[in-house]
Amino acid sequence: MAAPLTPAIPVTDLTTEILAGTGAFDALMRANKAHLEAEYTKGRIKGSEYATVYLGSLEVVMRTALEFVLQKAKTSAELDVLLAQKCKLEAEFDLLMLEKLKVTAETALLNQKTITEQAQVTALGVDENSVIGKQKALYTAQTNGFARDAEQKAAKLLSDTWAVRRTTDEATVATDTGATPNYLGDFTIGRAITKMLQGVGA
């Protein structure tokens, strides 16, 4: 941060150029004069010494008044610097808070992306009503549908084979047991029909 410019000090802070002035020099001189007069009245300062004491005190009062005014301006400038530093720190704090919120949001997004990626390969953490949950349900239903379709085709194939053989050759024996079973007997066909009915929820 660049050093602040020294503020202009108005002369009126030092003196308003009248005996009853409001400047620092005016006030200190009035006090100094009162003390000198008191000492002169009591006889502690003789006539010949008065001028010497007065000039010496005038120099001291001027230096003190000037130092007072300069210190006041310096203090004011330092308060301004502190205020500027406070504003800077507050702005930096606000920026840090915004960055924290951004990092928090990015972390939440990354966590959600991780969950989404995991949901592609596992069923963990997937809400049934989510897009991925519904897609998985659809894929499961399609997979089950293919299995049910295969079961139905197998059951129909067995039933049709049994019906054709029975129609064309009443001597055909449909057997599920024995040395040469053809698995067209009632037991095997019944199992296939039962499996098919389970698949359609009957």
N, C-alpha and C. Protein backbone atom coordinates (compact mmCIF):
# COMPACT_ATOMS: atom_id res chain seq x y z
N MET A 1 0.85 -1.18 0.00
CA MET A 1 0.00 0.00 0.00
C MET A 1 0.89 1.23 0.00
N ALA A 2 0.60 2.23 -0.88
CA ALA A 2 1.38 3.45 -0.94
C ALA A 2 1.17 4.27 0.32
N ALA A 3 2.23 4.99 0.72
CA ALA A 3 2.12 5.83 1.92
C ALA A 3 1.11 6.94 1.67
N PRO A 4 0.22 7.20 2.64
CA PRO A 4 -0.78 8.23 2.43
C PRO A 4 -0.15 9.61 2.38
N LEU A 5 -0.75 10.49 1.60
CA LEU A 5 -0.26 11.85 1.53
C LEU A 5 -0.54 12.55 2.85
N THR A 6 0.42 13.41 3.29
CA THR A 6 0.21 14.17 4.52
C THR A 6 -0.90 15.18 4.27
N PRO A 7 -1.96 15.17 5.08
CA PRO A 7 -3.06 16.10 4.82
C PRO A 7 -2.62 17.54 5.05
N ALA A 8 -3.20 18.47 4.28
CA ALA A 8 -2.89 19.89 4.45
C ALA A 8 -3.39 20.34 5.83
N ILE A 9 -2.54 21.08 6.52
CA ILE A 9 -2.91 21.56 7.86
C ILE A 9 -3.29 23.04 7.74
N PRO A 10 -4.52 23.39 8.01
CA PRO A 10 -4.90 24.81 7.93
C PRO A 10 -4.23 25.63 9.03
N VAL A 11 -3.85 26.85 8.68
CA VAL A 11 -3.20 27.75 9.65
C VAL A 11 -4.09 27.98 10.86
N THR A 12 -5.40 27.96 10.63
CA THR A 12 -6.34 28.21 11.74
C THR A 12 -6.24 27.17 12.84
N ASP A 13 -5.66 25.99 12.54
CA ASP A 13 -5.43 25.01 13.61
C ASP A 13 -4.36 25.53 14.57
N LEU A 14 -3.44 26.33 14.02
CA LEU A 14 -2.36 26.89 14.85
C LEU A 14 -2.77 28.22 15.47
N THR A 15 -3.31 29.13 14.64
CA THR A 15 -3.75 30.43 15.16
C THR A 15 -4.79 31.06 14.23
N THR A 16 -5.72 31.79 14.84
CA THR A 16 -6.70 32.55 14.04
C THR A 16 -6.34 34.04 14.02
N GLU A 17 -5.11 34.33 14.45
CA GLU A 17 -4.49 35.65 14.31
C GLU A 17 -5.14 36.75 15.15
N ILE A 18 -5.83 36.37 16.20
CA ILE A 18 -6.37 37.36 17.14
C ILE A 18 -6.09 36.86 18.56
N LEU A 19 -6.10 37.81 19.53
CA LEU A 19 -5.80 37.42 20.91
C LEU A 19 -6.78 36.41 21.46
N ALA A 20 -8.05 36.53 21.04
CA ALA A 20 -9.06 35.59 21.53
C ALA A 20 -9.25 34.43 20.55
N GLY A 21 -8.20 34.15 19.76
CA GLY A 21 -8.30 33.11 18.73
C GLY A 21 -8.52 31.71 19.30
N THR A 22 -8.86 30.82 18.38
CA THR A 22 -9.19 29.42 18.78
C THR A 22 -8.10 28.44 18.39
N GLY A 23 -6.98 28.92 17.82
CA GLY A 23 -5.90 28.01 17.45
C GLY A 23 -5.14 27.52 18.66
N ALA A 24 -4.31 26.49 18.46
CA ALA A 24 -3.54 25.92 19.57
C ALA A 24 -2.58 26.96 20.15
N PHE A 25 -1.91 27.74 19.29
CA PHE A 25 -0.99 28.77 19.77
C PHE A 25 -1.73 29.83 20.58
N ASP A 26 -2.91 30.24 20.08
CA ASP A 26 -3.70 31.27 20.77
C ASP A 26 -4.05 30.81 22.19
N ALA A 27 -4.53 29.59 22.30
CA ALA A 27 -4.95 29.08 23.61
C ALA A 27 -3.75 28.95 24.56
N LEU A 28 -2.64 28.40 24.05
CA LEU A 28 -1.46 28.23 24.91
C LEU A 28 -0.87 29.58 25.32
N MET A 29 -0.90 30.56 24.42
CA MET A 29 -0.37 31.89 24.77
C MET A 29 -1.22 32.56 25.85
N ARG A 30 -2.54 32.38 25.77
CA ARG A 30 -3.39 32.96 26.82
C ARG A 30 -3.06 32.35 28.18
N ALA A 31 -2.86 31.06 28.19
CA ALA A 31 -2.51 30.38 29.44
C ALA A 31 -1.13 30.84 29.91
N ASN A 32 -0.19 30.95 28.98
CA ASN A 32 1.18 31.38 29.32
C ASN A 32 1.16 32.81 29.87
N LYS A 33 0.40 33.70 29.23
CA LYS A 33 0.32 35.09 29.67
C LYS A 33 -0.26 35.19 31.09
N ALA A 34 -1.29 34.38 31.35
CA ALA A 34 -1.92 34.39 32.67
C ALA A 34 -0.91 33.98 33.73
N HIS A 35 -0.10 32.97 33.44
CA HIS A 35 0.91 32.52 34.40
C HIS A 35 2.01 33.57 34.59
N LEU A 36 2.45 34.20 33.49
CA LEU A 36 3.48 35.24 33.59
C LEU A 36 2.99 36.42 34.42
N GLU A 37 1.75 36.82 34.16
CA GLU A 37 1.20 37.96 34.92
C GLU A 37 1.08 37.63 36.40
N ALA A 38 0.69 36.41 36.69
CA ALA A 38 0.59 36.00 38.09
C ALA A 38 1.95 36.04 38.76
N GLU A 39 2.97 35.55 38.07
CA GLU A 39 4.32 35.56 38.64
C GLU A 39 4.84 37.00 38.77
N TYR A 40 4.51 37.85 37.81
CA TYR A 40 4.95 39.25 37.85
C TYR A 40 4.28 39.99 39.02
N THR A 41 2.97 39.71 39.19
CA THR A 41 2.22 40.36 40.26
C THR A 41 2.78 39.96 41.62
N LYS A 42 3.18 38.73 41.76
CA LYS A 42 3.73 38.25 43.03
C LYS A 42 5.18 38.70 43.23
N GLY A 43 5.71 39.35 42.24
CA GLY A 43 7.06 39.86 42.36
C GLY A 43 8.14 38.83 42.10
N ARG A 44 7.80 37.73 41.59
CA ARG A 44 8.79 36.68 41.33
C ARG A 44 9.56 36.95 40.03
N ILE A 45 8.94 37.73 39.14
CA ILE A 45 9.62 38.15 37.92
C ILE A 45 9.72 39.66 37.96
N LYS A 46 10.93 40.18 37.87
CA LYS A 46 11.16 41.61 37.91
C LYS A 46 10.96 42.20 36.52
N GLY A 47 10.78 43.51 36.45
CA GLY A 47 10.52 44.19 35.18
C GLY A 47 11.54 43.91 34.11
N SER A 48 12.81 43.88 34.47
CA SER A 48 13.86 43.64 33.49
C SER A 48 13.88 42.19 32.99
N GLU A 49 13.37 41.29 33.81
CA GLU A 49 13.36 39.87 33.44
C GLU A 49 12.13 39.50 32.61
N TYR A 50 11.12 40.31 32.70
CA TYR A 50 9.84 39.95 32.07
C TYR A 50 9.99 39.71 30.57
N ALA A 51 10.71 40.61 29.89
CA ALA A 51 10.88 40.48 28.44
C ALA A 51 11.61 39.19 28.10
N THR A 52 12.66 38.89 28.87
CA THR A 52 13.44 37.67 28.60
C THR A 52 12.58 36.42 28.81
N VAL A 53 11.85 36.39 29.93
CA VAL A 53 10.98 35.24 30.22
C VAL A 53 9.88 35.14 29.17
N TYR A 54 9.34 36.30 28.78
CA TYR A 54 8.24 36.30 27.81
C TYR A 54 8.72 35.75 26.46
N LEU A 55 9.86 36.21 25.98
CA LEU A 55 10.38 35.74 24.70
C LEU A 55 10.72 34.25 24.76
N GLY A 56 11.30 33.81 25.87
CA GLY A 56 11.62 32.38 26.01
C GLY A 56 10.36 31.53 26.02
N SER A 57 9.33 31.98 26.75
CA SER A 57 8.08 31.22 26.80
C SER A 57 7.35 31.27 25.46
N LEU A 58 7.52 32.41 24.73
CA LEU A 58 6.90 32.53 23.41
C LEU A 58 7.44 31.46 22.46
N GLU A 59 8.75 31.29 22.51
CA GLU A 59 9.38 30.27 21.66
C GLU A 59 8.89 28.86 22.03
N VAL A 60 8.84 28.59 23.34
CA VAL A 60 8.39 27.27 23.81
C VAL A 60 6.93 27.05 23.43
N VAL A 61 6.08 28.08 23.62
CA VAL A 61 4.65 27.95 23.30
C VAL A 61 4.46 27.71 21.81
N MET A 62 5.21 28.44 20.96
CA MET A 62 5.09 28.25 19.51
C MET A 62 5.49 26.84 19.11
N ARG A 63 6.62 26.35 19.65
CA ARG A 63 7.07 25.00 19.32
C ARG A 63 6.06 23.95 19.80
N THR A 64 5.55 24.14 21.02
CA THR A 64 4.57 23.19 21.58
C THR A 64 3.28 23.19 20.77
N ALA A 65 2.81 24.39 20.40
CA ALA A 65 1.57 24.48 19.61
C ALA A 65 1.74 23.82 18.26
N LEU A 66 2.91 24.08 17.63
CA LEU A 66 3.18 23.48 16.32
C LEU A 66 3.25 21.96 16.42
N GLU A 67 3.93 21.45 17.43
CA GLU A 67 4.01 20.00 17.64
C GLU A 67 2.62 19.40 17.89
N PHE A 68 1.81 20.13 18.64
CA PHE A 68 0.45 19.66 18.93
C PHE A 68 -0.36 19.52 17.63
N VAL A 69 -0.28 20.58 16.79
CA VAL A 69 -1.04 20.56 15.53
C VAL A 69 -0.52 19.46 14.61
N LEU A 70 0.80 19.32 14.51
CA LEU A 70 1.38 18.27 13.66
C LEU A 70 1.03 16.87 14.16
N GLN A 71 1.09 16.68 15.48
CA GLN A 71 0.74 15.38 16.05
C GLN A 71 -0.72 15.03 15.79
N LYS A 72 -1.56 16.06 15.89
CA LYS A 72 -2.99 15.86 15.62
C LYS A 72 -3.19 15.41 14.17
N ALA A 73 -2.50 16.08 13.23
CA ALA A 73 -2.61 15.72 11.81
C ALA A 73 -2.06 14.32 11.57
N LYS A 74 -0.92 14.01 12.24
CA LYS A 74 -0.31 12.68 12.08
C LYS A 74 -1.25 11.59 12.60
N THR A 75 -1.82 11.87 13.77
CA THR A 75 -2.76 10.90 14.35
C THR A 75 -3.96 10.69 13.43
N SER A 76 -4.46 11.78 12.86
CA SER A 76 -5.60 11.68 11.94
C SER A 76 -5.23 10.86 10.72
N ALA A 77 -4.02 11.09 10.20
CA ALA A 77 -3.57 10.33 9.03
C ALA A 77 -3.41 8.85 9.37
N GLU A 78 -2.88 8.57 10.60
CA GLU A 78 -2.71 7.17 11.02
C GLU A 78 -4.05 6.50 11.17
N LEU A 79 -5.09 7.24 11.75
CA LEU A 79 -6.43 6.66 11.86
C LEU A 79 -7.00 6.32 10.49
N ASP A 80 -6.64 7.29 9.45
CA ASP A 80 -7.10 7.04 8.07
C ASP A 80 -6.46 5.78 7.51
N VAL A 81 -5.13 5.62 7.82
CA VAL A 81 -4.43 4.42 7.35
C VAL A 81 -5.05 3.17 7.98
N LEU A 82 -5.32 3.24 9.27
CA LEU A 82 -5.94 2.09 9.95
C LEU A 82 -7.31 1.78 9.37
N LEU A 83 -8.06 2.81 9.05
CA LEU A 83 -9.38 2.61 8.46
C LEU A 83 -9.25 1.95 7.09
N ALA A 84 -8.26 2.42 6.30
CA ALA A 84 -8.03 1.83 4.98
C ALA A 84 -7.61 0.37 5.12
N GLN A 85 -6.76 0.09 6.11
CA GLN A 85 -6.33 -1.30 6.34
C GLN A 85 -7.50 -2.16 6.77
N LYS A 86 -8.37 -1.58 7.61
CA LYS A 86 -9.56 -2.32 8.05
C LYS A 86 -10.45 -2.64 6.85
N CYS A 87 -10.65 -1.65 5.98
CA CYS A 87 -11.47 -1.88 4.77
C CYS A 87 -10.84 -2.96 3.88
N LYS A 88 -9.49 -2.88 3.76
CA LYS A 88 -8.79 -3.87 2.95
C LYS A 88 -8.96 -5.28 3.54
N LEU A 89 -8.79 -5.39 4.86
CA LEU A 89 -8.93 -6.70 5.52
C LEU A 89 -10.36 -7.24 5.37
N GLU A 90 -11.34 -6.35 5.49
CA GLU A 90 -12.73 -6.78 5.33
C GLU A 90 -12.98 -7.26 3.91
N ALA A 91 -12.42 -6.54 2.93
CA ALA A 91 -12.58 -6.95 1.53
C ALA A 91 -11.91 -8.30 1.28
N GLU A 92 -10.71 -8.48 1.86
CA GLU A 92 -10.01 -9.76 1.71
C GLU A 92 -10.78 -10.89 2.38
N PHE A 93 -11.38 -10.59 3.54
CA PHE A 93 -12.19 -11.60 4.24
C PHE A 93 -13.40 -11.99 3.39
N ASP A 94 -14.08 -10.97 2.81
CA ASP A 94 -15.23 -11.25 1.95
C ASP A 94 -14.82 -12.11 0.76
N LEU A 95 -13.64 -11.80 0.19
CA LEU A 95 -13.14 -12.57 -0.95
C LEU A 95 -12.86 -14.01 -0.54
N LEU A 96 -12.26 -14.19 0.64
CA LEU A 96 -11.99 -15.54 1.14
C LEU A 96 -13.29 -16.32 1.36
N MET A 97 -14.32 -15.63 1.87
CA MET A 97 -15.61 -16.29 2.08
C MET A 97 -16.22 -16.73 0.75
N LEU A 98 -16.10 -15.86 -0.27
CA LEU A 98 -16.62 -16.21 -1.60
C LEU A 98 -15.86 -17.40 -2.18
N GLU A 99 -14.53 -17.39 -1.98
CA GLU A 99 -13.73 -18.52 -2.47
C GLU A 99 -14.09 -19.80 -1.73
N LYS A 100 -14.36 -19.67 -0.41
CA LYS A 100 -14.77 -20.84 0.37
C LYS A 100 -16.09 -21.40 -0.15
N LEU A 101 -17.05 -20.48 -0.42
CA LEU A 101 -18.34 -20.93 -0.96
C LEU A 101 -18.15 -21.61 -2.32
N LYS A 102 -17.25 -21.05 -3.14
CA LYS A 102 -16.99 -21.62 -4.46
C LYS A 102 -16.39 -23.02 -4.33
N VAL A 103 -15.41 -23.15 -3.42
CA VAL A 103 -14.78 -24.46 -3.20
C VAL A 103 -15.80 -25.47 -2.67
N THR A 104 -16.67 -25.00 -1.76
CA THR A 104 -17.71 -25.88 -1.21
C THR A 104 -18.65 -26.35 -2.31
N ALA A 105 -19.06 -25.42 -3.18
CA ALA A 105 -19.95 -25.77 -4.29
C ALA A 105 -19.27 -26.73 -5.25
N GLU A 106 -17.98 -26.47 -5.55
CA GLU A 106 -17.24 -27.35 -6.47
C GLU A 106 -17.07 -28.73 -5.85
N THR A 107 -16.82 -28.78 -4.54
CA THR A 107 -16.68 -30.07 -3.86
C THR A 107 -17.99 -30.85 -3.91
N ALA A 108 -19.10 -30.15 -3.67
CA ALA A 108 -20.41 -30.81 -3.72
C ALA A 108 -20.67 -31.34 -5.13
N LEU A 109 -20.30 -30.54 -6.16
CA LEU A 109 -20.49 -30.97 -7.54
C LEU A 109 -19.64 -32.19 -7.85
N LEU A 110 -18.38 -32.16 -7.40
CA LEU A 110 -17.50 -33.32 -7.63
C LEU A 110 -18.02 -34.56 -6.92
N ASN A 111 -18.52 -34.37 -5.69
CA ASN A 111 -19.11 -35.51 -4.96
C ASN A 111 -20.30 -36.08 -5.70
N GLN A 112 -21.15 -35.18 -6.25
CA GLN A 112 -22.32 -35.65 -7.00
C GLN A 112 -21.89 -36.37 -8.27
N LYS A 113 -20.83 -35.83 -8.93
CA LYS A 113 -20.33 -36.50 -10.14
C LYS A 113 -19.78 -37.87 -9.80
N THR A 114 -19.10 -37.97 -8.64
CA THR A 114 -18.56 -39.26 -8.21
C THR A 114 -19.70 -40.26 -7.99
N ILE A 115 -20.76 -39.79 -7.33
CA ILE A 115 -21.92 -40.65 -7.09
C ILE A 115 -22.54 -41.08 -8.41
N THR A 116 -22.64 -40.11 -9.35
CA THR A 116 -23.23 -40.41 -10.66
C THR A 116 -22.39 -41.44 -11.41
N GLU A 117 -21.04 -41.26 -11.35
CA GLU A 117 -20.16 -42.22 -12.02
C GLU A 117 -20.27 -43.60 -11.39
N GLN A 118 -20.32 -43.63 -10.04
CA GLN A 118 -20.45 -44.92 -9.36
C GLN A 118 -21.79 -45.58 -9.71
N ALA A 119 -22.80 -44.76 -9.89
CA ALA A 119 -24.13 -45.30 -10.21
C ALA A 119 -24.15 -45.99 -11.57
N GLN A 120 -23.14 -45.66 -12.42
CA GLN A 120 -23.08 -46.30 -13.73
C GLN A 120 -22.69 -47.78 -13.61
N VAL A 121 -21.96 -48.10 -12.52
CA VAL A 121 -21.46 -49.47 -12.38
C VAL A 121 -22.01 -50.20 -11.16
N THR A 122 -22.62 -49.45 -10.22
CA THR A 122 -23.21 -50.10 -9.04
C THR A 122 -24.59 -49.52 -8.79
N ALA A 123 -25.34 -50.19 -7.92
CA ALA A 123 -26.69 -49.71 -7.58
C ALA A 123 -26.68 -48.86 -6.32
N LEU A 124 -25.50 -48.63 -5.76
CA LEU A 124 -25.40 -47.89 -4.50
C LEU A 124 -25.65 -46.41 -4.70
N GLY A 125 -26.41 -45.81 -3.80
CA GLY A 125 -26.61 -44.37 -3.80
C GLY A 125 -27.46 -43.84 -4.94
N VAL A 126 -28.27 -44.71 -5.53
CA VAL A 126 -29.11 -44.28 -6.66
C VAL A 126 -30.56 -44.22 -6.21
N ASP A 127 -31.16 -43.07 -6.34
CA ASP A 127 -32.57 -42.89 -6.01
C ASP A 127 -33.41 -43.48 -7.14
N GLU A 128 -34.43 -44.23 -6.78
CA GLU A 128 -35.26 -44.87 -7.80
C GLU A 128 -35.92 -43.85 -8.73
N ASN A 129 -36.19 -42.65 -8.19
CA ASN A 129 -36.86 -41.63 -9.01
C ASN A 129 -35.89 -40.81 -9.84
N SER A 130 -34.58 -41.04 -9.69
CA SER A 130 -33.61 -40.29 -10.47
C SER A 130 -33.56 -40.82 -11.89
N VAL A 131 -32.93 -40.05 -12.79
CA VAL A 131 -32.81 -40.46 -14.19
C VAL A 131 -32.07 -41.78 -14.29
N ILE A 132 -30.94 -41.87 -13.55
CA ILE A 132 -30.16 -43.11 -13.59
C ILE A 132 -30.96 -44.26 -12.98
N GLY A 133 -31.67 -43.97 -11.90
CA GLY A 133 -32.49 -45.01 -11.27
C GLY A 133 -33.55 -45.54 -12.22
N LYS A 134 -34.19 -44.64 -12.95
CA LYS A 134 -35.21 -45.06 -13.92
C LYS A 134 -34.59 -45.81 -15.10
N GLN A 135 -33.40 -45.36 -15.54
CA GLN A 135 -32.72 -46.06 -16.62
C GLN A 135 -32.37 -47.49 -16.19
N LYS A 136 -31.88 -47.60 -14.95
CA LYS A 136 -31.53 -48.94 -14.47
C LYS A 136 -32.78 -49.83 -14.37
N ALA A 137 -33.87 -49.23 -13.91
CA ALA A 137 -35.12 -50.00 -13.82
C ALA A 137 -35.57 -50.45 -15.21
N LEU A 138 -35.40 -49.55 -16.20
CA LEU A 138 -35.77 -49.90 -17.58
C LEU A 138 -34.90 -51.03 -18.11
N TYR A 139 -33.58 -50.92 -17.86
CA TYR A 139 -32.67 -51.98 -18.33
C TYR A 139 -32.99 -53.31 -17.66
N THR A 140 -33.31 -53.25 -16.36
CA THR A 140 -33.66 -54.48 -15.64
C THR A 140 -34.93 -55.09 -16.22
N ALA A 141 -35.92 -54.21 -16.49
CA ALA A 141 -37.18 -54.69 -17.06
C ALA A 141 -36.95 -55.29 -18.45
N GLN A 142 -36.08 -54.66 -19.24
CA GLN A 142 -35.79 -55.19 -20.57
C GLN A 142 -35.07 -56.54 -20.48
N THR A 143 -34.12 -56.63 -19.53
CA THR A 143 -33.40 -57.90 -19.33
C THR A 143 -34.37 -58.99 -18.91
N ASN A 144 -35.25 -58.65 -17.96
CA ASN A 144 -36.26 -59.62 -17.51
C ASN A 144 -37.20 -59.99 -18.66
N GLY A 145 -37.52 -58.99 -19.48
CA GLY A 145 -38.40 -59.24 -20.63
C GLY A 145 -37.79 -60.23 -21.61
N PHE A 146 -36.48 -60.08 -21.85
CA PHE A 146 -35.80 -61.02 -22.74
C PHE A 146 -35.83 -62.43 -22.15
N ALA A 147 -35.62 -62.52 -20.83
CA ALA A 147 -35.65 -63.84 -20.17
C ALA A 147 -37.05 -64.43 -20.25
N ARG A 148 -38.07 -63.58 -19.98
CA ARG A 148 -39.46 -64.08 -20.05
C ARG A 148 -39.80 -64.52 -21.48
N ASP A 149 -39.32 -63.76 -22.46
CA ASP A 149 -39.58 -64.10 -23.85
C ASP A 149 -38.97 -65.46 -24.20
N ALA A 150 -37.74 -65.70 -23.70
CA ALA A 150 -37.09 -66.98 -23.95
C ALA A 150 -37.85 -68.11 -23.29
N GLU A 151 -38.35 -67.86 -22.05
CA GLU A 151 -39.13 -68.88 -21.35
C GLU A 151 -40.40 -69.20 -22.11
N GLN A 152 -41.07 -68.14 -22.60
CA GLN A 152 -42.34 -68.35 -23.32
C GLN A 152 -42.12 -69.10 -24.63
N LYS A 153 -41.02 -68.76 -25.32
CA LYS A 153 -40.72 -69.44 -26.58
C LYS A 153 -40.39 -70.90 -26.34
N ALA A 154 -39.64 -71.16 -25.25
CA ALA A 154 -39.29 -72.55 -24.94
C ALA A 154 -40.55 -73.35 -24.59
N ALA A 155 -41.44 -72.74 -23.77
CA ALA A 155 -42.68 -73.44 -23.38
C ALA A 155 -43.55 -73.69 -24.61
N LYS A 156 -43.63 -72.71 -25.51
CA LYS A 156 -44.46 -72.87 -26.72
C LYS A 156 -43.86 -73.94 -27.63
N LEU A 157 -42.51 -73.93 -27.74
CA LEU A 157 -41.84 -74.92 -28.57
C LEU A 157 -42.14 -76.33 -28.07
N LEU A 158 -42.03 -76.52 -26.76
CA LEU A 158 -42.30 -77.84 -26.20
C LEU A 158 -43.76 -78.24 -26.40
N SER A 159 -44.66 -77.27 -26.16
CA SER A 159 -46.08 -77.56 -26.32
C SER A 159 -46.42 -77.90 -27.77
N ASP A 160 -45.87 -77.12 -28.70
CA ASP A 160 -46.14 -77.36 -30.13
C ASP A 160 -45.59 -78.71 -30.58
N THR A 161 -44.38 -79.03 -30.11
CA THR A 161 -43.78 -80.32 -30.48
C THR A 161 -44.65 -81.48 -29.98
N TRP A 162 -45.10 -81.36 -28.73
CA TRP A 162 -45.94 -82.40 -28.16
C TRP A 162 -47.25 -82.52 -28.95
N ALA A 163 -47.84 -81.38 -29.28
CA ALA A 163 -49.11 -81.39 -30.01
C ALA A 163 -48.95 -82.00 -31.41
N VAL A 164 -47.87 -81.65 -32.12
CA VAL A 164 -47.66 -82.18 -33.49
C VAL A 164 -47.44 -83.68 -33.43
N ARG A 165 -46.61 -84.12 -32.51
CA ARG A 165 -46.34 -85.56 -32.42
C ARG A 165 -47.59 -86.33 -32.05
N ARG A 166 -48.33 -85.77 -31.14
CA ARG A 166 -49.54 -86.46 -30.69
C ARG A 166 -50.56 -86.54 -31.81
N THR A 167 -50.60 -85.47 -32.62
CA THR A 167 -51.59 -85.44 -33.72
C THR A 167 -51.20 -86.39 -34.84
N THR A 168 -49.93 -86.45 -35.15
CA THR A 168 -49.48 -87.27 -36.29
C THR A 168 -49.23 -88.72 -35.93
N ASP A 169 -48.94 -88.99 -34.66
CA ASP A 169 -48.63 -90.36 -34.28
C ASP A 169 -49.06 -90.59 -32.85
N GLU A 170 -50.24 -91.21 -32.71
CA GLU A 170 -50.77 -91.43 -31.37
C GLU A 170 -49.92 -92.41 -30.57
N ALA A 171 -49.04 -93.12 -31.26
CA ALA A 171 -48.18 -94.08 -30.57
C ALA A 171 -46.93 -93.42 -29.99
N THR A 172 -46.73 -92.16 -30.37
CA THR A 172 -45.54 -91.45 -29.86
C THR A 172 -45.63 -91.34 -28.35
N VAL A 173 -44.57 -91.73 -27.73
CA VAL A 173 -44.53 -91.68 -26.27
C VAL A 173 -43.70 -90.46 -25.85
N ALA A 174 -44.30 -89.58 -25.09
CA ALA A 174 -43.59 -88.43 -24.53
C ALA A 174 -43.13 -88.81 -23.14
N THR A 175 -41.82 -88.90 -22.99
CA THR A 175 -41.31 -89.38 -21.71
C THR A 175 -40.24 -88.43 -21.16
N ASP A 176 -40.27 -88.31 -19.84
CA ASP A 176 -39.28 -87.48 -19.15
C ASP A 176 -38.25 -88.35 -18.43
N THR A 177 -38.46 -89.66 -18.47
CA THR A 177 -37.58 -90.58 -17.76
C THR A 177 -37.20 -91.72 -18.66
N GLY A 178 -36.50 -92.67 -18.13
CA GLY A 178 -36.14 -93.85 -18.89
C GLY A 178 -34.76 -93.72 -19.50
N ALA A 179 -34.43 -94.73 -20.35
CA ALA A 179 -33.11 -94.77 -20.96
C ALA A 179 -32.95 -93.67 -22.01
N THR A 180 -34.03 -93.40 -22.74
CA THR A 180 -33.96 -92.37 -23.80
C THR A 180 -35.12 -91.38 -23.64
N PRO A 181 -35.08 -90.53 -22.63
CA PRO A 181 -36.16 -89.55 -22.45
C PRO A 181 -36.09 -88.46 -23.52
N ASN A 182 -37.25 -88.08 -24.04
CA ASN A 182 -37.27 -86.97 -25.01
C ASN A 182 -37.72 -85.65 -24.36
N TYR A 183 -38.00 -85.71 -23.09
CA TYR A 183 -38.40 -84.54 -22.29
C TYR A 183 -39.58 -83.78 -22.89
N LEU A 184 -40.49 -84.58 -23.47
CA LEU A 184 -41.73 -83.98 -23.96
C LEU A 184 -42.93 -84.44 -23.14
N GLY A 185 -42.62 -85.06 -22.01
CA GLY A 185 -43.68 -85.53 -21.14
C GLY A 185 -44.35 -84.40 -20.38
N ASP A 186 -45.43 -84.75 -19.72
CA ASP A 186 -46.21 -83.74 -18.98
C ASP A 186 -45.37 -83.04 -17.91
N PHE A 187 -44.41 -83.76 -17.29
CA PHE A 187 -43.63 -83.17 -16.21
C PHE A 187 -42.74 -82.03 -16.73
N THR A 188 -42.02 -82.31 -17.83
CA THR A 188 -41.12 -81.29 -18.40
C THR A 188 -41.92 -80.12 -18.95
N ILE A 189 -42.99 -80.42 -19.70
CA ILE A 189 -43.82 -79.35 -20.25
C ILE A 189 -44.47 -78.55 -19.13
N GLY A 190 -44.87 -79.24 -18.08
CA GLY A 190 -45.47 -78.57 -16.93
C GLY A 190 -44.48 -77.61 -16.27
N ARG A 191 -43.23 -78.08 -16.14
CA ARG A 191 -42.20 -77.21 -15.57
C ARG A 191 -41.99 -75.95 -16.41
N ALA A 192 -41.98 -76.13 -17.73
CA ALA A 192 -41.78 -74.99 -18.63
C ALA A 192 -42.95 -74.03 -18.54
N ILE A 193 -44.17 -74.56 -18.50
CA ILE A 193 -45.36 -73.71 -18.39
C ILE A 193 -45.37 -72.97 -17.06
N THR A 194 -44.98 -73.68 -15.96
CA THR A 194 -44.93 -73.05 -14.63
C THR A 194 -43.93 -71.90 -14.61
N LYS A 195 -42.75 -72.12 -15.19
CA LYS A 195 -41.72 -71.09 -15.26
C LYS A 195 -42.21 -69.88 -16.05
N MET A 196 -42.91 -70.16 -17.16
CA MET A 196 -43.43 -69.08 -17.99
C MET A 196 -44.46 -68.28 -17.23
N LEU A 197 -45.36 -68.96 -16.49
CA LEU A 197 -46.39 -68.27 -15.73
C LEU A 197 -45.79 -67.43 -14.59
N GLN A 198 -44.71 -67.95 -13.99
CA GLN A 198 -44.04 -67.16 -12.95
C GLN A 198 -43.46 -65.87 -13.52
N GLY A 199 -42.95 -65.99 -14.75
CA GLY A 199 -42.34 -64.82 -15.39
C GLY A 199 -43.35 -63.74 -15.71
N VAL A 200 -44.56 -64.10 -16.00
CA VAL A 200 -45.59 -63.08 -16.35
C VAL A 200 -46.39 -62.69 -15.12
N GLY A 201 -46.01 -63.24 -13.96
CA GLY A 201 -46.66 -62.83 -12.72
C GLY A 201 -48.00 -63.49 -12.48
N ALA A 202 -48.24 -64.61 -13.10
CA ALA A 202 -49.51 -65.32 -12.92
C ALA A 202 -49.48 -66.15 -11.64
